[in-house]
Amino acid sequence: MSDTQQEVVDLEVQLAHHSRARFTVIDVRQPYEMPSGVIDNAFNLPLDKVLTDGLPGVPTRARILVVCRSGIRSMEAARALSARGYTAVHNLRGGMVAWLEDGLPVGRSTIALRVPL
């Protein structure tokens, strides 16, 4: 880990649920995965875009919660964002699978985070 790279924090789903208003939620799943449910007000930017483009327009000091289906891809994205200088990156441990298993509320659509061409 470089001097500027911050450690990624794994958040349990209940803590993430109760504190989600404090985060910019980034869902790194592919659009076809969204019908299973999404966290309200999450931004969708698939993993490949996060890895190549980061989070255009999102300040590096923003508190970010990264989400995927199971927590694997979101951890990869969270580490990449940390390496890009984001200082408060969190991963949803267990992803949407754990969120749904805990019976937490879901929406049906995300907000597209547009990457400039």
Protein backbone atom coordinates (compact mmCIF):
# COMPACT_ATOMS: atom_id res chain seq x y z
CA MET A 1 0.00 0.00 0.00
CA SER A 2 1.43 3.39 -0.99
CA ASP A 3 1.71 6.31 1.41
CA THR A 4 -1.34 7.96 -0.19
CA GLN A 5 -3.46 4.81 -0.46
CA GLN A 6 -5.98 4.38 2.34
CA GLU A 7 -7.19 1.08 3.75
CA VAL A 8 -10.59 -0.05 2.48
CA VAL A 9 -13.09 -0.64 5.29
CA ASP A 10 -15.50 -3.60 5.06
CA LEU A 11 -18.93 -2.57 6.37
CA GLU A 12 -21.50 -5.03 7.71
CA VAL A 13 -24.89 -4.66 6.00
CA GLN A 14 -26.80 -3.40 9.07
CA LEU A 15 -24.23 -0.65 9.72
CA ALA A 16 -24.23 0.25 6.02
CA HIS A 17 -28.03 0.38 6.01
CA HIS A 18 -28.22 2.71 9.01
CA SER A 19 -25.45 5.02 7.79
CA ARG A 20 -26.07 4.92 4.00
CA ALA A 21 -27.22 8.56 3.86
CA ARG A 22 -23.64 9.56 4.74
CA PHE A 23 -22.22 7.79 1.68
CA THR A 24 -22.12 8.12 -2.06
CA VAL A 25 -23.21 4.57 -2.94
CA ILE A 26 -21.58 3.13 -6.07
CA ASP A 27 -23.06 -0.11 -7.43
CA VAL A 28 -20.48 -1.78 -9.69
CA ARG A 29 -22.76 -4.51 -11.04
CA GLN A 30 -23.74 -4.73 -14.69
CA PRO A 31 -27.12 -3.23 -15.65
CA TYR A 32 -28.63 -6.69 -16.25
CA GLU A 33 -28.07 -7.49 -12.55
CA MET A 34 -30.21 -4.60 -11.29
CA PRO A 35 -33.67 -6.30 -11.37
CA SER A 36 -32.67 -8.26 -8.24
CA GLY A 37 -32.81 -4.96 -6.33
CA VAL A 38 -30.61 -1.97 -5.62
CA ILE A 39 -29.86 0.32 -2.70
CA ASP A 40 -31.93 3.49 -3.09
CA ASN A 41 -30.05 6.45 -4.57
CA ALA A 42 -27.09 4.30 -5.60
CA PHE A 43 -25.11 5.28 -8.66
CA ASN A 44 -24.43 2.53 -11.19
CA LEU A 45 -20.96 2.39 -12.70
CA PRO A 46 -19.90 -1.13 -13.71
CA LEU A 47 -16.59 -2.42 -12.38
CA ASP A 48 -14.75 -2.16 -15.71
CA LYS A 49 -15.58 1.55 -15.90
CA VAL A 50 -14.49 2.15 -12.30
CA LEU A 51 -11.19 0.40 -12.97
CA THR A 52 -10.46 2.44 -16.12
CA ASP A 53 -12.08 5.80 -15.31
CA GLY A 54 -12.45 6.05 -11.53
CA LEU A 55 -15.41 8.15 -10.42
CA PRO A 56 -15.57 11.24 -12.63
CA GLY A 57 -17.01 14.19 -10.78
CA VAL A 58 -16.88 12.53 -7.35
CA PRO A 59 -14.41 14.28 -5.02
CA THR A 60 -11.61 12.08 -3.65
CA ARG A 61 -12.61 13.10 -0.12
CA ALA A 62 -16.21 11.81 -0.55
CA ARG A 63 -17.34 8.93 1.69
CA ILE A 64 -17.95 6.09 -0.75
CA LEU A 65 -19.73 2.78 -0.23
CA VAL A 66 -19.07 0.32 -3.06
CA VAL A 67 -21.59 -2.46 -3.69
CA CYS A 68 -21.83 -5.53 -5.94
CA ARG A 69 -23.64 -8.87 -5.79
CA SER A 70 -21.42 -10.62 -3.24
CA GLY A 71 -18.71 -8.17 -2.18
CA ILE A 72 -15.90 -9.47 -4.40
CA ARG A 73 -16.09 -7.00 -7.31
CA SER A 74 -16.90 -4.14 -4.97
CA MET A 75 -13.73 -4.83 -2.96
CA GLU A 76 -11.71 -4.80 -6.20
CA ALA A 77 -13.30 -1.45 -7.13
CA ALA A 78 -12.81 -0.06 -3.61
CA ARG A 79 -9.10 -0.92 -3.66
CA ALA A 80 -8.73 0.66 -7.10
CA LEU A 81 -10.44 3.84 -5.87
CA SER A 82 -8.23 3.93 -2.81
CA ALA A 83 -5.18 3.62 -5.07
CA ARG A 84 -6.53 6.61 -7.07
CA GLY A 85 -6.49 8.72 -3.91
CA TYR A 86 -10.03 8.33 -2.57
CA THR A 87 -9.63 8.60 1.18
CA ALA A 88 -12.88 7.19 2.64
CA VAL A 89 -13.77 4.06 0.68
CA HIS A 90 -15.95 1.31 2.16
CA ASN A 91 -16.98 -2.07 0.79
CA LEU A 92 -20.37 -3.65 1.53
CA ARG A 93 -19.39 -7.01 3.05
CA GLY A 94 -21.44 -9.76 1.42
CA GLY A 95 -22.84 -7.36 -1.18
CA MET A 96 -26.47 -7.30 -2.23
CA VAL A 97 -26.80 -11.00 -1.35
CA ALA A 98 -26.24 -10.14 2.33
CA TRP A 99 -28.40 -6.99 2.04
CA LEU A 100 -31.33 -9.03 0.68
CA GLU A 101 -30.79 -11.88 3.18
CA ASP A 102 -31.13 -9.32 5.99
CA GLY A 103 -34.44 -8.16 4.49
CA LEU A 104 -33.22 -4.60 3.97
CA PRO A 105 -35.15 -2.28 1.63
CA VAL A 106 -34.36 -2.20 -2.08
CA GLY A 107 -35.35 -0.12 -5.04
CA ARG A 108 -35.54 -1.20 -8.66
CA SER A 109 -33.31 1.31 -10.42
CA THR A 110 -30.04 3.15 -9.93
CA ILE A 111 -28.81 6.50 -11.11
CA ALA A 112 -26.39 6.18 -14.02
CA LEU A 113 -23.04 7.79 -13.27
CA ARG A 114 -21.97 9.09 -16.66
CA VAL A 115 -18.35 8.80 -17.75
CA PRO A 116 -17.30 11.45 -20.27
CA LEU A 117 -16.23 10.08 -23.64
